[in-house]
Amino acid sequence: MTIEQLTELFKWITVVNVVIFVLSSILVMTFKGVIEKIHGKMFGIDKNNISAIVYGYLGLFKVLIIVFNIGPYVALVLMQ
């Protein structure tokens, strides 16, 4: 695989993951009550804890996108 192909691969991986992250964030903000109700019943978690867990999930997902998608993509672009 050439550097150009890897750059394209990481570009599209980054785009897909950022779209998933944005959609997840929008859905969580839009349907917060429904999410709390469903997950509260499924896992027996207090509604206050669900907000913290979802916030942690989105934060971790953002860090993983930066480290494993955007970082390598930027490095490949700089190598060209």
N, C-alpha and C. Protein backbone atom coordinates (compact mmCIF):
# COMPACT_ATOMS: atom_id res chain seq x y z
N MET A 1 0.84 -1.17 0.00
CA MET A 1 0.00 0.00 0.00
C MET A 1 0.89 1.24 0.00
N THR A 2 0.56 2.18 -0.84
CA THR A 2 1.36 3.40 -0.92
C THR A 2 0.88 4.42 0.11
N ILE A 3 1.69 5.45 0.30
CA ILE A 3 1.34 6.51 1.25
C ILE A 3 0.06 7.22 0.80
N GLU A 4 -0.10 7.38 -0.50
CA GLU A 4 -1.32 8.04 -0.99
C GLU A 4 -2.56 7.21 -0.67
N GLN A 5 -2.46 5.90 -0.83
CA GLN A 5 -3.59 5.03 -0.52
C GLN A 5 -3.90 5.03 0.97
N LEU A 6 -2.86 5.01 1.79
CA LEU A 6 -3.07 5.07 3.24
C LEU A 6 -3.69 6.39 3.65
N THR A 7 -3.26 7.48 3.01
CA THR A 7 -3.83 8.78 3.32
C THR A 7 -5.32 8.81 2.99
N GLU A 8 -5.69 8.28 1.84
CA GLU A 8 -7.10 8.22 1.47
C GLU A 8 -7.89 7.35 2.44
N LEU A 9 -7.31 6.20 2.82
CA LEU A 9 -7.97 5.31 3.76
C LEU A 9 -8.24 6.02 5.08
N PHE A 10 -7.22 6.67 5.64
CA PHE A 10 -7.39 7.36 6.92
C PHE A 10 -8.32 8.56 6.80
N LYS A 11 -8.34 9.19 5.63
CA LYS A 11 -9.26 10.31 5.43
C LYS A 11 -10.69 9.81 5.54
N TRP A 12 -11.02 8.72 4.87
CA TRP A 12 -12.38 8.22 4.90
C TRP A 12 -12.74 7.58 6.23
N ILE A 13 -11.78 6.94 6.87
CA ILE A 13 -12.03 6.41 8.21
C ILE A 13 -12.37 7.55 9.16
N THR A 14 -11.63 8.65 9.05
CA THR A 14 -11.88 9.81 9.90
C THR A 14 -13.25 10.40 9.62
N VAL A 15 -13.60 10.54 8.35
CA VAL A 15 -14.90 11.10 8.00
C VAL A 15 -16.03 10.25 8.56
N VAL A 16 -15.94 8.94 8.39
CA VAL A 16 -16.99 8.04 8.88
C VAL A 16 -17.11 8.13 10.40
N ASN A 17 -15.99 8.10 11.11
CA ASN A 17 -16.04 8.16 12.57
C ASN A 17 -16.53 9.50 13.08
N VAL A 18 -16.16 10.59 12.44
CA VAL A 18 -16.65 11.90 12.87
C VAL A 18 -18.15 12.01 12.63
N VAL A 19 -18.64 11.47 11.52
CA VAL A 19 -20.09 11.49 11.26
C VAL A 19 -20.82 10.67 12.32
N ILE A 20 -20.30 9.50 12.67
CA ILE A 20 -20.91 8.69 13.72
C ILE A 20 -20.92 9.44 15.04
N PHE A 21 -19.82 10.12 15.36
CA PHE A 21 -19.72 10.89 16.60
C PHE A 21 -20.74 12.03 16.63
N VAL A 22 -20.84 12.76 15.53
CA VAL A 22 -21.77 13.89 15.47
C VAL A 22 -23.21 13.39 15.57
N LEU A 23 -23.54 12.33 14.85
CA LEU A 23 -24.89 11.78 14.92
C LEU A 23 -25.21 11.28 16.33
N SER A 24 -24.25 10.62 16.97
CA SER A 24 -24.44 10.16 18.34
C SER A 24 -24.70 11.33 19.27
N SER A 25 -23.93 12.39 19.12
CA SER A 25 -24.09 13.56 19.97
C SER A 25 -25.46 14.20 19.77
N ILE A 26 -25.86 14.34 18.52
CA ILE A 26 -27.17 14.94 18.21
C ILE A 26 -28.30 14.08 18.77
N LEU A 27 -28.21 12.77 18.58
CA LEU A 27 -29.25 11.88 19.09
C LEU A 27 -29.33 11.91 20.61
N VAL A 28 -28.17 11.96 21.27
CA VAL A 28 -28.17 12.02 22.73
C VAL A 28 -28.80 13.33 23.22
N MET A 29 -28.47 14.44 22.56
CA MET A 29 -29.05 15.72 22.96
C MET A 29 -30.54 15.77 22.67
N THR A 30 -30.96 15.20 21.56
CA THR A 30 -32.36 15.27 21.14
C THR A 30 -33.25 14.33 21.96
N PHE A 31 -32.79 13.13 22.20
CA PHE A 31 -33.60 12.11 22.86
C PHE A 31 -33.08 11.74 24.24
N LYS A 32 -32.63 12.73 25.00
CA LYS A 32 -32.04 12.48 26.31
C LYS A 32 -33.00 11.73 27.23
N GLY A 33 -34.25 12.17 27.30
CA GLY A 33 -35.23 11.53 28.18
C GLY A 33 -35.50 10.09 27.80
N VAL A 34 -35.64 9.85 26.52
CA VAL A 34 -35.91 8.49 26.05
C VAL A 34 -34.72 7.58 26.34
N ILE A 35 -33.52 8.08 26.11
CA ILE A 35 -32.32 7.29 26.37
C ILE A 35 -32.20 6.96 27.85
N GLU A 36 -32.45 7.96 28.71
CA GLU A 36 -32.39 7.72 30.15
C GLU A 36 -33.42 6.68 30.58
N LYS A 37 -34.61 6.77 30.02
CA LYS A 37 -35.67 5.83 30.39
C LYS A 37 -35.34 4.41 29.96
N ILE A 38 -34.91 4.25 28.72
CA ILE A 38 -34.61 2.91 28.21
C ILE A 38 -33.43 2.29 28.94
N HIS A 39 -32.33 3.03 29.06
CA HIS A 39 -31.14 2.46 29.69
C HIS A 39 -31.33 2.30 31.19
N GLY A 40 -32.14 3.16 31.78
CA GLY A 40 -32.44 3.00 33.20
C GLY A 40 -33.16 1.69 33.47
N LYS A 41 -34.12 1.36 32.61
CA LYS A 41 -34.84 0.09 32.77
C LYS A 41 -33.98 -1.11 32.41
N MET A 42 -33.20 -0.99 31.34
CA MET A 42 -32.40 -2.13 30.88
C MET A 42 -31.31 -2.51 31.87
N PHE A 43 -30.62 -1.51 32.41
CA PHE A 43 -29.45 -1.79 33.23
C PHE A 43 -29.62 -1.41 34.69
N GLY A 44 -30.78 -0.87 35.06
CA GLY A 44 -31.03 -0.50 36.45
C GLY A 44 -30.12 0.62 36.93
N ILE A 45 -29.88 1.59 36.07
CA ILE A 45 -28.99 2.71 36.40
C ILE A 45 -29.83 3.94 36.68
N ASP A 46 -29.41 4.73 37.67
CA ASP A 46 -30.09 5.98 38.00
C ASP A 46 -29.94 6.98 36.85
N LYS A 47 -30.97 7.81 36.64
CA LYS A 47 -30.94 8.75 35.53
C LYS A 47 -29.76 9.72 35.60
N ASN A 48 -29.37 10.12 36.79
CA ASN A 48 -28.22 11.02 36.93
C ASN A 48 -26.93 10.35 36.49
N ASN A 49 -26.80 9.08 36.77
CA ASN A 49 -25.60 8.34 36.37
C ASN A 49 -25.55 8.11 34.87
N ILE A 50 -26.70 7.96 34.24
CA ILE A 50 -26.73 7.73 32.79
C ILE A 50 -26.15 8.93 32.05
N SER A 51 -26.47 10.13 32.49
CA SER A 51 -25.92 11.33 31.85
C SER A 51 -24.39 11.34 31.94
N ALA A 52 -23.86 10.99 33.10
CA ALA A 52 -22.41 10.96 33.27
C ALA A 52 -21.77 9.88 32.40
N ILE A 53 -22.42 8.74 32.31
CA ILE A 53 -21.88 7.64 31.50
C ILE A 53 -21.88 8.01 30.03
N VAL A 54 -22.96 8.61 29.55
CA VAL A 54 -23.03 9.01 28.14
C VAL A 54 -22.00 10.10 27.85
N TYR A 55 -21.84 11.04 28.78
CA TYR A 55 -20.84 12.09 28.61
C TYR A 55 -19.43 11.48 28.53
N GLY A 56 -19.16 10.50 29.38
CA GLY A 56 -17.87 9.81 29.34
C GLY A 56 -17.65 9.05 28.05
N TYR A 57 -18.72 8.41 27.56
CA TYR A 57 -18.65 7.68 26.30
C TYR A 57 -18.30 8.62 25.15
N LEU A 58 -19.00 9.76 25.07
CA LEU A 58 -18.74 10.70 23.99
C LEU A 58 -17.33 11.29 24.09
N GLY A 59 -16.90 11.56 25.31
CA GLY A 59 -15.54 12.08 25.49
C GLY A 59 -14.48 11.08 25.09
N LEU A 60 -14.65 9.83 25.49
CA LEU A 60 -13.69 8.78 25.13
C LEU A 60 -13.69 8.55 23.62
N PHE A 61 -14.87 8.55 23.01
CA PHE A 61 -14.98 8.35 21.57
C PHE A 61 -14.25 9.47 20.83
N LYS A 62 -14.39 10.70 21.31
CA LYS A 62 -13.71 11.83 20.68
C LYS A 62 -12.19 11.69 20.79
N VAL A 63 -11.70 11.29 21.95
CA VAL A 63 -10.25 11.11 22.12
C VAL A 63 -9.74 10.00 21.22
N LEU A 64 -10.49 8.91 21.12
CA LEU A 64 -10.07 7.80 20.25
C LEU A 64 -10.05 8.20 18.79
N ILE A 65 -11.00 9.01 18.36
CA ILE A 65 -11.00 9.50 16.98
C ILE A 65 -9.76 10.35 16.73
N ILE A 66 -9.43 11.21 17.67
CA ILE A 66 -8.26 12.07 17.50
C ILE A 66 -6.98 11.25 17.44
N VAL A 67 -6.84 10.31 18.37
CA VAL A 67 -5.60 9.53 18.46
C VAL A 67 -5.44 8.55 17.31
N PHE A 68 -6.50 7.83 16.97
CA PHE A 68 -6.36 6.74 16.00
C PHE A 68 -6.79 7.09 14.58
N ASN A 69 -7.43 8.24 14.37
CA ASN A 69 -7.86 8.61 13.02
C ASN A 69 -7.21 9.91 12.56
N ILE A 70 -7.43 10.96 13.30
CA ILE A 70 -6.94 12.28 12.87
C ILE A 70 -5.41 12.35 12.97
N GLY A 71 -4.84 11.81 14.04
CA GLY A 71 -3.38 11.83 14.21
C GLY A 71 -2.65 11.15 13.06
N PRO A 72 -2.96 9.90 12.76
CA PRO A 72 -2.29 9.25 11.63
C PRO A 72 -2.55 9.93 10.29
N TYR A 73 -3.77 10.45 10.10
CA TYR A 73 -4.07 11.15 8.86
C TYR A 73 -3.20 12.38 8.70
N VAL A 74 -3.08 13.17 9.74
CA VAL A 74 -2.24 14.37 9.69
C VAL A 74 -0.77 13.99 9.44
N ALA A 75 -0.32 12.93 10.11
CA ALA A 75 1.06 12.49 9.91
C ALA A 75 1.29 12.06 8.46
N LEU A 76 0.35 11.35 7.88
CA LEU A 76 0.49 10.93 6.48
C LEU A 76 0.46 12.11 5.52
N VAL A 77 -0.39 13.09 5.80
CA VAL A 77 -0.45 14.28 4.95
C VAL A 77 0.88 15.03 5.03
N LEU A 78 1.45 15.13 6.21
CA LEU A 78 2.73 15.84 6.37
C LEU A 78 3.88 15.08 5.70
N MET A 79 3.77 13.77 5.59
CA MET A 79 4.83 12.99 4.95
C MET A 79 4.84 13.17 3.43
N GLN A 80 3.72 13.54 2.85
CA GLN A 80 3.65 13.65 1.39
C GLN A 80 4.37 14.88 0.90
